[in-house]
C-alpha atoms as a PDB file:
ATOM      1  CA  MET A   1      27.132   2.264 -17.828  1.00  0.00           C
ATOM      2  CA  GLU A   2      25.147  -0.173 -19.943  1.00  0.00           C
ATOM      3  CA  ASN A   3      21.900   1.014 -18.322  1.00  0.00           C
ATOM      4  CA  LEU A   4      22.815   4.599 -19.114  1.00  0.00           C
ATOM      5  CA  LEU A   5      23.451   3.738 -22.767  1.00  0.00           C
ATOM      6  CA  ILE A   6      19.934   2.291 -23.037  1.00  0.00           C
ATOM      7  CA  GLU A   7      18.458   5.522 -21.643  1.00  0.00           C
ATOM      8  CA  ILE A   8      20.538   7.596 -24.060  1.00  0.00           C
ATOM      9  CA  GLU A   9      19.187   5.517 -26.956  1.00  0.00           C
ATOM     10  CA  ILE A  10      15.605   6.110 -25.767  1.00  0.00           C
ATOM     11  CA  LEU A  11      16.328   9.807 -25.324  1.00  0.00           C
ATOM     12  CA  SER A  12      17.715  10.085 -28.859  1.00  0.00           C
ATOM     13  CA  ARG A  13      14.494   8.894 -30.527  1.00  0.00           C
ATOM     14  CA  PRO A  14      13.037  11.457 -32.961  1.00  0.00           C
ATOM     15  CA  CYS A  15       9.953  12.209 -30.881  1.00  0.00           C
ATOM     16  CA  SER A  16       8.013  15.441 -30.598  1.00  0.00           C
ATOM     17  CA  SER A  17       8.844  18.394 -28.358  1.00  0.00           C
ATOM     18  CA  TYR A  18       6.551  16.861 -25.693  1.00  0.00           C
ATOM     19  CA  ARG A  19       9.386  14.446 -24.958  1.00  0.00           C
ATOM     20  CA  GLY A  20      13.174  14.626 -25.083  1.00  0.00           C
ATOM     21  CA  GLY A  21      13.990  15.744 -21.526  1.00  0.00           C
ATOM     22  CA  SER A  22      14.443  19.425 -22.403  1.00  0.00           C
ATOM     23  CA  LYS A  23      14.870  20.450 -18.754  1.00  0.00           C
ATOM     24  CA  TRP A  24      18.083  18.416 -18.539  1.00  0.00           C
ATOM     25  CA  LEU A  25      19.736  20.324 -21.396  1.00  0.00           C
ATOM     26  CA  VAL A  26      22.742  22.533 -20.675  1.00  0.00           C
ATOM     27  CA  ASN A  27      23.383  23.676 -24.236  1.00  0.00           C
ATOM     28  CA  ARG A  28      21.891  23.475 -27.727  1.00  0.00           C
ATOM     29  CA  GLU A  29      23.520  24.566 -30.971  1.00  0.00           C
ATOM     30  CA  ALA A  30      22.738  24.392 -34.670  1.00  0.00           C
ATOM     31  CA  ILE A  31      25.281  22.383 -36.651  1.00  0.00           C
ATOM     32  CA  PRO A  32      25.374  20.468 -39.938  1.00  0.00           C
ATOM     33  CA  PRO A  33      24.694  16.703 -39.745  1.00  0.00           C
ATOM     34  CA  PRO A  34      27.637  15.070 -37.923  1.00  0.00           C
ATOM     35  CA  GLN A  35      29.166  11.728 -38.747  1.00  0.00           C
ATOM     36  CA  HIS A  36      27.871  10.146 -35.511  1.00  0.00           C
ATOM     37  CA  PRO A  37      24.475  11.183 -34.091  1.00  0.00           C
ATOM     38  CA  ILE A  38      25.499  10.362 -30.505  1.00  0.00           C
ATOM     39  CA  THR A  39      28.855  11.381 -29.068  1.00  0.00           C
ATOM     40  CA  SER A  40      30.189  12.116 -25.600  1.00  0.00           C
ATOM     41  CA  ASP A  41      33.075  13.637 -23.720  1.00  0.00           C
ATOM     42  CA  LYS A  42      34.054  13.506 -20.067  1.00  0.00           C
ATOM     43  CA  THR A  43      31.117  15.629 -18.882  1.00  0.00           C
ATOM     44  CA  ASN A  44      28.366  15.701 -21.562  1.00  0.00           C
ATOM     45  CA  VAL A  45      26.488  13.426 -23.918  1.00  0.00           C
ATOM     46  CA  LYS A  46      25.754  15.037 -27.298  1.00  0.00           C
ATOM     47  CA  ILE A  47      22.645  13.970 -29.248  1.00  0.00           C
ATOM     48  CA  TYR A  48      21.954  15.256 -32.732  1.00  0.00           C
ATOM     49  CA  ARG A  49      18.306  16.035 -33.602  1.00  0.00           C
ATOM     50  CA  LYS A  50      17.900  15.451 -37.314  1.00  0.00           C
ATOM     51  CA  SER A  51      14.411  16.945 -37.479  1.00  0.00           C
ATOM     52  CA  CYS A  52      15.620  20.398 -36.394  1.00  0.00           C
ATOM     53  CA  ASN A  53      19.387  20.145 -37.102  1.00  0.00           C
ATOM     54  CA  LEU A  54      20.296  20.795 -33.479  1.00  0.00           C
ATOM     55  CA  LEU A  55      22.907  19.278 -31.179  1.00  0.00           C
ATOM     56  CA  ASP A  56      21.701  18.836 -27.595  1.00  0.00           C
ATOM     57  CA  TYR A  57      24.136  18.674 -24.665  1.00  0.00           C
ATOM     58  CA  TYR A  58      23.108  16.524 -21.706  1.00  0.00           C
ATOM     59  CA  PRO A  59      25.368  16.369 -18.612  1.00  0.00           C
ATOM     60  CA  ILE A  60      26.230  12.829 -17.581  1.00  0.00           C
ATOM     61  CA  SER A  61      25.476  13.630 -13.935  1.00  0.00           C
ATOM     62  CA  GLY A  62      22.009  14.815 -14.962  1.00  0.00           C
ATOM     63  CA  LEU A  63      21.334  11.651 -16.944  1.00  0.00           C
ATOM     64  CA  VAL A  64      22.363   9.544 -13.951  1.00  0.00           C
ATOM     65  CA  LYS A  65      19.935  11.480 -11.749  1.00  0.00           C
ATOM     66  CA  ARG A  66      17.240  11.062 -14.384  1.00  0.00           C
ATOM     67  CA  LEU A  67      17.807   7.308 -14.407  1.00  0.00           C
ATOM     68  CA  GLU A  68      17.459   7.230 -10.600  1.00  0.00           C
ATOM     69  CA  ILE A  69      14.117   9.000 -10.840  1.00  0.00           C
ATOM     70  CA  LYS A  70      12.923   6.607 -13.526  1.00  0.00           C
ATOM     71  CA  ARG A  71      13.753   3.601 -11.349  1.00  0.00           C
ATOM     72  CA  ASN A  72      12.303   5.001  -8.138  1.00  0.00           C
ATOM     73  CA  PRO A  73       9.963   2.443  -6.459  1.00  0.00           C
ATOM     74  CA  SER A  74       7.225   5.029  -5.816  1.00  0.00           C
ATOM     75  CA  LEU A  75       7.102   6.095  -9.463  1.00  0.00           C
ATOM     76  CA  PHE A  76       7.265   2.483 -10.586  1.00  0.00           C
ATOM     77  CA  ASN A  77       4.233   1.600  -8.448  1.00  0.00           C
ATOM     78  CA  CYS A  78       2.263   4.529  -9.859  1.00  0.00           C
ATOM     79  CA  ILE A  79       2.936   3.565 -13.481  1.00  0.00           C
ATOM     80  CA  LEU A  80       2.239  -0.086 -12.642  1.00  0.00           C
ATOM     81  CA  ARG A  81      -1.123   0.945 -11.238  1.00  0.00           C
ATOM     82  CA  LEU A  82      -1.861   2.813 -14.470  1.00  0.00           C
ATOM     83  CA  TRP A  83      -0.864  -0.284 -16.444  1.00  0.00           C
ATOM     84  CA  LYS A  84      -3.207  -2.510 -14.437  1.00  0.00           C
ATOM     85  CA  LEU A  85      -6.021  -0.039 -14.952  1.00  0.00           C
ATOM     86  CA  ILE A  86      -5.771  -0.164 -18.753  1.00  0.00           C
ATOM     87  CA  ASN A  87      -4.830  -3.871 -18.786  1.00  0.00           C
ATOM     88  CA  PRO A  88      -7.138  -5.611 -16.255  1.00  0.00           C
ATOM     89  CA  LEU A  89      -6.494  -9.110 -17.657  1.00  0.00           C
ATOM     90  CA  SER A  90      -2.721  -8.676 -17.369  1.00  0.00           C
ATOM     91  CA  LEU A  91      -2.196  -9.310 -21.072  1.00  0.00           C
ATOM     92  CA  LYS A  92       1.269  -9.258 -22.546  1.00  0.00           C
ATOM     93  CA  ALA A  93       0.660  -6.007 -24.436  1.00  0.00           C
ATOM     94  CA  ILE A  94      -1.874  -3.232 -24.925  1.00  0.00           C
ATOM     95  CA  SER A  95      -3.318  -1.884 -28.140  1.00  0.00           C
ATOM     96  CA  LYS A  96      -2.398   1.332 -29.851  1.00  0.00           C
ATOM     97  CA  GLU A  97      -5.833   2.785 -29.166  1.00  0.00           C
ATOM     98  CA  ILE A  98      -5.466   2.390 -25.406  1.00  0.00           C
ATOM     99  CA  HIS A  99      -1.913   3.708 -25.465  1.00  0.00           C
ATOM    100  CA  GLU A 100      -2.997   6.842 -27.367  1.00  0.00           C
ATOM    101  CA  LEU A 101      -5.769   7.457 -24.851  1.00  0.00           C
ATOM    102  CA  VAL A 102      -3.206   7.642 -22.008  1.00  0.00           C
ATOM    103  CA  LEU A 103      -0.878   9.814 -24.118  1.00  0.00           C
ATOM    104  CA  GLU A 104      -3.726  12.162 -24.907  1.00  0.00           C
ATOM    105  CA  THR A 105      -4.403  12.638 -21.207  1.00  0.00           C
ATOM    106  CA  LEU A 106      -0.748  13.483 -20.550  1.00  0.00           C
ATOM    107  CA  TYR A 107      -0.257  15.645 -23.622  1.00  0.00           C
ATOM    108  CA  LYS A 108      -3.276  17.808 -22.785  1.00  0.00           C
ATOM    109  CA  MET A 109      -1.538  18.770 -19.537  1.00  0.00           C
ATOM    110  CA  HIS A 110       1.330  20.320 -21.495  1.00  0.00           C
ATOM    111  CA  PRO A 111       1.442  24.164 -21.484  1.00  0.00           C
ATOM    112  CA  GLN A 112       1.651  24.308 -25.273  1.00  0.00           C
ATOM    113  CA  SER A 113      -1.614  22.346 -25.557  1.00  0.00           C
ATOM    114  CA  LEU A 114      -3.430  25.043 -23.598  1.00  0.00           C
ATOM    115  CA  LYS A 115      -2.560  27.555 -26.316  1.00  0.00           C
ATOM    116  CA  ILE A 116      -2.930  25.192 -29.280  1.00  0.00           C
ATOM    117  CA  PRO A 117      -5.308  22.278 -28.444  1.00  0.00           C
ATOM    118  CA  ASP A 118      -4.758  20.507 -31.788  1.00  0.00           C
ATOM    119  CA  LEU A 119      -1.018  20.280 -31.076  1.00  0.00           C
ATOM    120  CA  ALA A 120      -1.583  17.588 -28.452  1.00  0.00           C
ATOM    121  CA  TYR A 121      -3.424  15.339 -30.896  1.00  0.00           C
ATOM    122  CA  LYS A 122      -0.786  15.766 -33.613  1.00  0.00           C
ATOM    123  CA  ASN A 123       2.135  15.064 -31.272  1.00  0.00           C
ATOM    124  CA  LEU A 124       0.518  11.980 -29.726  1.00  0.00           C
ATOM    125  CA  LYS A 125      -0.115  10.499 -33.192  1.00  0.00           C
ATOM    126  CA  PHE A 126       3.478  11.241 -34.166  1.00  0.00           C
ATOM    127  CA  ASP A 127       4.971   9.774 -30.979  1.00  0.00           C
ATOM    128  CA  SER A 128       2.617   6.785 -31.013  1.00  0.00           C
ATOM    129  CA  GLU A 129       3.938   5.733 -34.406  1.00  0.00           C
ATOM    130  CA  ILE A 130       7.471   5.818 -33.029  1.00  0.00           C
ATOM    131  CA  ASP A 131       6.477   3.863 -29.907  1.00  0.00           C
ATOM    132  CA  PHE A 132       4.810   1.059 -31.864  1.00  0.00           C
ATOM    133  CA  SER A 133       6.979   1.010 -35.014  1.00  0.00           C
ATOM    134  CA  LYS A 134       5.139  -1.843 -36.787  1.00  0.00           C
ATOM    135  CA  LYS A 135       4.228  -3.613 -33.554  1.00  0.00           C
ATOM    136  CA  LEU A 136       0.716  -4.816 -32.744  1.00  0.00           C
ATOM    137  CA  GLY A 137       0.988  -4.148 -29.021  1.00  0.00           C
ATOM    138  CA  LEU A 138       3.082  -2.362 -26.437  1.00  0.00           C
ATOM    139  CA  THR A 139       4.591  -4.312 -23.531  1.00  0.00           C
ATOM    140  CA  PHE A 140       4.937  -2.889 -20.038  1.00  0.00           C
ATOM    141  CA  ALA A 141       8.642  -2.063 -20.519  1.00  0.00           C
ATOM    142  CA  GLU A 142       7.903  -0.122 -23.711  1.00  0.00           C
ATOM    143  CA  PHE A 143       4.847   1.523 -22.117  1.00  0.00           C
ATOM    144  CA  TYR A 144       6.965   2.539 -19.116  1.00  0.00           C
ATOM    145  CA  ASP A 145       9.552   4.239 -21.320  1.00  0.00           C
ATOM    146  CA  ALA A 146       6.900   6.216 -23.208  1.00  0.00           C
ATOM    147  CA  ILE A 147       5.023   7.313 -20.096  1.00  0.00           C
ATOM    148  CA  PHE A 148       8.195   8.368 -18.278  1.00  0.00           C
ATOM    149  CA  GLU A 149       9.394  10.427 -21.252  1.00  0.00           C
ATOM    150  CA  SER A 150       6.058  12.239 -21.345  1.00  0.00           C
ATOM    151  CA  CYS A 151       5.945  12.723 -17.563  1.00  0.00           C
ATOM    152  CA  ASP A 152       9.558  13.946 -17.478  1.00  0.00           C
ATOM    153  CA  SER A 153       8.691  16.795 -19.829  1.00  0.00           C
ATOM    154  CA  LEU A 154       5.662  17.788 -17.717  1.00  0.00           C
ATOM    155  CA  ALA A 155       7.464  17.790 -14.352  1.00  0.00           C
ATOM    156  CA  LYS A 156       9.065  21.151 -13.655  1.00  0.00           C
ATOM    157  CA  SER A 157      11.310  19.858 -10.884  1.00  0.00           C
ATOM    158  CA  ILE A 158      13.292  16.677 -10.302  1.00  0.00           C
ATOM    159  CA  LEU A 159      11.240  15.603  -7.269  1.00  0.00           C
ATOM    160  CA  VAL A 160       9.764  12.117  -7.468  1.00  0.00           C
ATOM    161  CA  ASN A 161       6.588  13.303  -5.753  1.00  0.00           C
ATOM    162  CA  GLU A 162       5.803  15.597  -8.662  1.00  0.00           C
ATOM    163  CA  TYR A 163       6.229  12.738 -11.134  1.00  0.00           C
ATOM    164  CA  CYS A 164       3.881  10.589  -9.029  1.00  0.00           C
ATOM    165  CA  ARG A 165       1.258  13.340  -8.813  1.00  0.00           C
ATOM    166  CA  ILE A 166       1.228  13.648 -12.613  1.00  0.00           C
ATOM    167  CA  ILE A 167       0.654   9.887 -12.996  1.00  0.00           C
ATOM    168  CA  GLN A 168      -2.063   9.879 -10.308  1.00  0.00           C
ATOM    169  CA  HIS A 169      -3.803  12.785 -12.008  1.00  0.00           C
ATOM    170  CA  CYS A 170      -3.616  10.893 -15.300  1.00  0.00           C
ATOM    171  CA  ILE A 171      -5.220   7.854 -13.637  1.00  0.00           C
ATOM    172  CA  SER A 172      -8.125   9.885 -12.237  1.00  0.00           C
ATOM    173  CA  ILE A 173      -8.793  11.559 -15.598  1.00  0.00           C
ATOM    174  CA  THR A 174      -8.568   8.227 -17.469  1.00  0.00           C
ATOM    175  CA  ILE A 175     -11.107   6.575 -15.165  1.00  0.00           C
ATOM    176  CA  ASP A 176     -13.644   9.356 -15.765  1.00  0.00           C
ATOM    177  CA  SER A 177     -13.045   9.423 -19.517  1.00  0.00           C
ATOM    178  CA  PRO A 178     -16.055   8.292 -21.618  1.00  0.00           C
ATOM    179  CA  ALA A 179     -13.680   6.987 -24.275  1.00  0.00           C
ATOM    180  CA  PHE A 180     -11.986   4.737 -21.719  1.00  0.00           C
ATOM    181  CA  VAL A 181     -15.317   3.319 -20.536  1.00  0.00           C
ATOM    182  CA  SER A 182     -16.371   2.436 -24.093  1.00  0.00           C
ATOM    183  CA  MET A 183     -13.079   0.667 -24.927  1.00  0.00           C
ATOM    184  CA  ASN A 184     -12.660  -3.107 -25.121  1.00  0.00           C
ATOM    185  CA  LEU A 185      -9.944  -3.779 -22.574  1.00  0.00           C
ATOM    186  CA  TYR A 186     -10.293  -7.564 -22.855  1.00  0.00           C
ATOM    187  CA  ASN A 187      -8.990  -7.979 -26.398  1.00  0.00           C
ATOM    188  CA  LYS A 188      -6.482 -10.857 -26.579  1.00  0.00           C
ATOM    189  CA  ARG A 189      -5.276 -10.385 -30.111  1.00  0.00           C
ATOM    190  CA  HIS A 190      -1.902  -9.143 -28.854  1.00  0.00           C
ATOM    191  CA  LEU A 191      -1.003 -12.601 -27.544  1.00  0.00           C
ATOM    192  CA  LYS A 192      -0.343 -13.789 -31.133  1.00  0.00           C
ATOM    193  CA  GLU A 193       2.529 -11.345 -31.450  1.00  0.00           C
ATOM    194  CA  SER A 194       6.170 -12.421 -31.506  1.00  0.00           C
ATOM    195  CA  GLN A 195       7.960 -12.769 -28.168  1.00  0.00           C
ATOM    196  CA  ARG A 196       9.506  -9.556 -26.848  1.00  0.00           C
ATOM    197  CA  LEU A 197      10.813  -8.296 -23.549  1.00  0.00           C
ATOM    198  CA  SER A 198       7.892  -7.488 -21.251  1.00  0.00           C
ATOM    199  CA  PHE A 199       9.881  -6.299 -18.227  1.00  0.00           C
ATOM    200  CA  TYR A 200      13.380  -4.982 -17.838  1.00  0.00           C
ATOM    201  CA  PRO A 201      15.637  -6.860 -15.380  1.00  0.00           C
ATOM    202  CA  TRP A 202      15.423  -3.965 -12.882  1.00  0.00           C
ATOM    203  CA  MET A 203      11.609  -4.105 -13.141  1.00  0.00           C
ATOM    204  CA  GLN A 204      11.589  -7.813 -12.368  1.00  0.00           C
ATOM    205  CA  LYS A 205      13.649  -7.223  -9.207  1.00  0.00           C
ATOM    206  CA  MET A 206      11.250  -4.500  -8.117  1.00  0.00           C
ATOM    207  CA  ILE A 207       8.189  -6.687  -8.713  1.00  0.00           C
ATOM    208  CA  ARG A 208       9.758  -9.516  -6.694  1.00  0.00           C
ATOM    209  CA  SER A 209      10.362  -7.112  -3.821  1.00  0.00           C
ATOM    210  CA  LEU A 210       6.619  -6.424  -3.574  1.00  0.00           C
ATOM    211  CA  THR A 211       4.945  -8.445  -0.827  1.00  0.00           C
ATOM    212  CA  PRO A 212       2.269 -11.016  -1.808  1.00  0.00           C
ATOM    213  CA  VAL A 213      -0.285  -9.155   0.296  1.00  0.00           C
ATOM    214  CA  ARG A 214       0.076  -6.001  -1.788  1.00  0.00           C
ATOM    215  CA  THR A 215      -0.114  -7.797  -5.125  1.00  0.00           C
ATOM    216  CA  SER A 216      -3.180  -9.780  -4.031  1.00  0.00           C
ATOM    217  CA  GLU A 217      -4.887  -6.700  -2.674  1.00  0.00           C
ATOM    218  CA  LEU A 218      -4.522  -4.972  -6.025  1.00  0.00           C
ATOM    219  CA  GLN A 219      -6.425  -7.812  -7.725  1.00  0.00           C
ATOM    220  CA  LEU A 220      -9.179  -8.343  -5.160  1.00  0.00           C
ATOM    221  CA  PRO A 221     -12.433  -6.336  -5.070  1.00  0.00           C
ATOM    222  CA  GLU A 222     -13.056  -3.968  -2.193  1.00  0.00           C
ATOM    223  CA  ILE A 223     -15.694  -6.253  -0.602  1.00  0.00           C
ATOM    224  CA  LEU A 224     -13.299  -9.190  -0.389  1.00  0.00           C
ATOM    225  CA  LYS A 225     -10.584  -6.928   0.991  1.00  0.00           C
ATOM    226  CA  LYS A 226     -12.850  -5.963   3.900  1.00  0.00           C
ATOM    227  CA  ILE A 227     -13.681  -9.633   4.560  1.00  0.00           C
ATOM    228  CA  LEU A 228     -10.130 -10.946   4.290  1.00  0.00           C
ATOM    229  CA  HIS A 229      -8.508  -7.909   5.857  1.00  0.00           C
ATOM    230  CA  PRO A 230     -10.858  -6.417   8.487  1.00  0.00           C
ATOM    231  CA  ASN A 231     -10.418  -2.969   9.854  1.00  0.00           C
ATOM    232  CA  GLU A 232      -7.885  -2.403  12.598  1.00  0.00           C
ATOM    233  CA  ASN A 233     -10.590  -1.010  14.889  1.00  0.00           C
ATOM    234  CA  ILE A 234     -12.587  -4.252  14.542  1.00  0.00           C
ATOM    235  CA  ILE A 235      -9.497  -6.272  15.392  1.00  0.00           C
ATOM    236  CA  LYS A 236      -8.838  -4.088  18.438  1.00  0.00           C
ATOM    237  CA  THR A 237     -12.435  -4.480  19.685  1.00  0.00           C
ATOM    238  CA  GLN A 238     -12.234  -8.257  19.204  1.00  0.00           C
ATOM    239  CA  LYS A 239      -9.013  -8.393  21.189  1.00  0.00           C
ATOM    240  CA  LEU A 240     -10.561  -6.217  23.906  1.00  0.00           C
ATOM    241  CA  LEU A 241     -13.663  -8.418  24.142  1.00  0.00           C
ATOM    242  CA  GLN A 242     -11.517 -11.529  24.285  1.00  0.00           C
ATOM    243  CA  ARG A 243      -9.422  -9.966  27.032  1.00  0.00           C
ATOM    244  CA  ASN A 244     -12.587  -9.032  29.004  1.00  0.00           C
ATOM    245  CA  THR A 245     -13.974 -12.576  28.699  1.00  0.00           C
ATOM    246  CA  ASN A 246     -10.644 -13.986  29.880  1.00  0.00           C
ATOM    247  CA  ASN A 247     -10.713 -11.636  32.869  1.00  0.00           C
ATOM    248  CA  GLU A 248     -14.285 -12.620  33.684  1.00  0.00           C
ATOM    249  CA  THR A 249     -13.505 -16.338  33.541  1.00  0.00           C
ATOM    250  CA  SER A 250     -10.403 -15.867  35.681  1.00  0.00           C
ATOM    251  CA  SER A 251     -12.372 -13.835  38.255  1.00  0.00           C
ATOM    252  CA  LEU A 252     -15.094 -16.503  38.363  1.00  0.00           C
ATOM    253  CA  GLU A 253     -12.517 -19.197  38.890  1.00  0.00           C
ATOM    254  CA  ARG A 254     -10.961 -17.229  41.729  1.00  0.00           C
ATOM    255  CA  PHE A 255     -14.409 -16.688  43.309  1.00  0.00           C
ATOM    256  CA  SER A 256     -15.285 -20.392  43.071  1.00  0.00           C
ATOM    257  CA  LYS A 257     -11.951 -21.297  44.667  1.00  0.00           C
ATOM    258  CA  LEU A 258     -12.629 -18.915  47.556  1.00  0.00           C
ATOM    259  CA  ILE A 259     -16.073 -20.476  48.109  1.00  0.00           C
ATOM    260  CA  GLY A 260     -14.519 -23.935  48.179  1.00  0.00           C
ATOM    261  CA  VAL A 261     -11.954 -22.812  50.751  1.00  0.00           C
ATOM    262  CA  LYS A 262     -14.673 -21.340  52.942  1.00  0.00           C
ATOM    263  CA  LYS A 263     -16.685 -24.582  52.827  1.00  0.00           C
ATOM    264  CA  LYS A 264     -13.636 -26.549  53.850  1.00  0.00           C
ATOM    265  CA  LEU A 265     -12.958 -24.167  56.696  1.00  0.00           C
ATOM    266  CA  LYS A 266     -16.554 -24.241  58.037  1.00  0.00           C
ATOM    267  CA  SER A 267     -16.762 -28.014  58.787  1.00  0.00           C
ATOM    268  CA  PRO A 268     -13.894 -28.270  61.348  1.00  0.00           C
ATOM    269  CA  ILE A 269     -14.960 -25.055  63.038  1.00  0.00           C
ATOM    270  CA  ARG A 270     -18.417 -26.453  63.669  1.00  0.00           C
ATOM    271  CA  ALA A 271     -16.936 -29.676  65.089  1.00  0.00           C
ATOM    272  CA  VAL A 272     -14.512 -27.959  67.432  1.00  0.00           C
ATOM    273  CA  THR A 273     -16.668 -25.076  68.617  1.00  0.00           C
ATOM    274  CA  PRO A 274     -18.835 -26.098  71.669  1.00  0.00           C
ATOM    275  CA  ARG A 275     -22.559 -25.771  71.350  1.00  0.00           C
ATOM    276  CA  LEU A 276     -24.077 -22.976  73.368  1.00  0.00           C
ATOM    277  CA  VAL A 277     -26.465 -24.267  76.078  1.00  0.00           C
ATOM    278  CA  ASN A 278     -29.502 -22.346  77.269  1.00  0.00           C
ATOM    279  CA  ALA A 279     -29.188 -21.330  80.950  1.00  0.00           C
ATOM    280  CA  ARG A 280     -32.909 -21.787  81.686  1.00  0.00           C
ATOM    281  CA  GLU A 281     -32.834 -25.347  80.342  1.00  0.00           C
ATOM    282  CA  ILE A 282     -29.969 -26.221  82.720  1.00  0.00           C
ATOM    283  CA  GLU A 283     -31.810 -24.636  85.678  1.00  0.00           C
ATOM    284  CA  GLY A 284     -34.949 -26.681  84.924  1.00  0.00           C
ATOM    285  CA  ARG A 285     -33.012 -29.940  84.774  1.00  0.00           C
ATOM    286  CA  LEU A 286     -31.331 -29.233  88.088  1.00  0.00           C
ATOM    287  CA  ASN A 287     -34.644 -28.378  89.803  1.00  0.00           C
ATOM    288  CA  SER A 288     -36.226 -31.635  88.634  1.00  0.00           C
ATOM    289  CA  ARG A 289     -33.233 -33.659  89.909  1.00  0.00           C
ATOM    290  CA  PHE A 290     -33.129 -32.154  93.362  1.00  0.00           C
ATOM    291  CA  LYS A 291     -36.906 -31.915  93.873  1.00  0.00           C
ATOM    292  CA  GLY A 292     -38.059 -33.310  97.316  1.00  0.00           C
ATOM    293  CA  LEU A 293     -34.704 -33.012  98.922  1.00  0.00           C
ATOM    294  CA  LYS A 294     -34.366 -30.810 102.018  1.00  0.00           C
ATOM    295  CA  THR A 295     -31.676 -28.377 101.825  1.00  0.00           C
ATOM    296  CA  PRO A 296     -30.219 -26.853 104.958  1.00  0.00           C
ATOM    297  CA  SER A 297     -31.064 -23.312 105.473  1.00  0.00           C
ATOM    298  CA  LEU A 298     -28.173 -21.091 105.425  1.00  0.00           C
ATOM    299  CA  SER A 299     -28.280 -18.459 108.121  1.00  0.00           C
ATOM    300  CA  PRO A 300     -26.575 -15.245 107.508  1.00  0.00           C
ATOM    301  CA  ILE A 301     -23.128 -15.026 108.945  1.00  0.00           C
ATOM    302  CA  LYS A 302     -22.869 -12.710 111.783  1.00  0.00           C
ATOM    303  CA  LEU A 303     -20.006 -10.444 111.728  1.00  0.00           C
ATOM    304  CA  LEU A 304     -18.083 -10.154 114.938  1.00  0.00           C
ATOM    305  CA  TYR A 305     -16.540  -6.907 115.723  1.00  0.00           C
END
């Protein structure tokens, strides 16, 4: 309930029509100034707009859903990426000039700005004065509130993807902006400002949940990312080559073992196997031994019938 009260206080700020969460309204009526600007019943929260003497009715269920969208991790990462783009040194706060550049990009997307281009410039100056309110710089928590209020008015639905697309489109336009290129993003004069809350407690929990690999990858250049984190295809080829070399070495070891076994088997076979003797050589030796001896003639045996 305490978190919802903070969001109601932010929603009740006297900003322009480019903020205020008009799509969450269920009723609006003209009344004289009430005693309390913010009241509530069991179903609705009533916020009195002094600039136009109107009482806005916001359903509590709708404000709870709005708070869930605001604290969605995907949207938080998109706005954090935008913050790191305009604050590369991770300073405590950003200047009013840089903040107005981002607001100008978002306000020019508004349908009313297409009809009246000067309206975007007037509203961003008006809202920027409320955002800073005698402050030298804007912390991330304050910047997040302002960007979400602007993005909430631009999104036609309550889908988180649409909110993220608006922020991503804002990032691409800001990068290509000549005014952004010419700005001094490394000004440290905001560090002399009094201590204020830089991150809400729920933001700190979400930042802690981010893995160190992701946070380090956001700060490293693309060349170092490729060196420290090679492509998956390269890793696969390295593993495949290593596997092939292991197979080759194992096959060579098996082949050498087989050769050793064959050598061991050949030696006893040669010792046991009798040597073949030439028949002519044996006949010559016998003839020389029995030379000069008379051998009885063998007459053929007569067959008696």
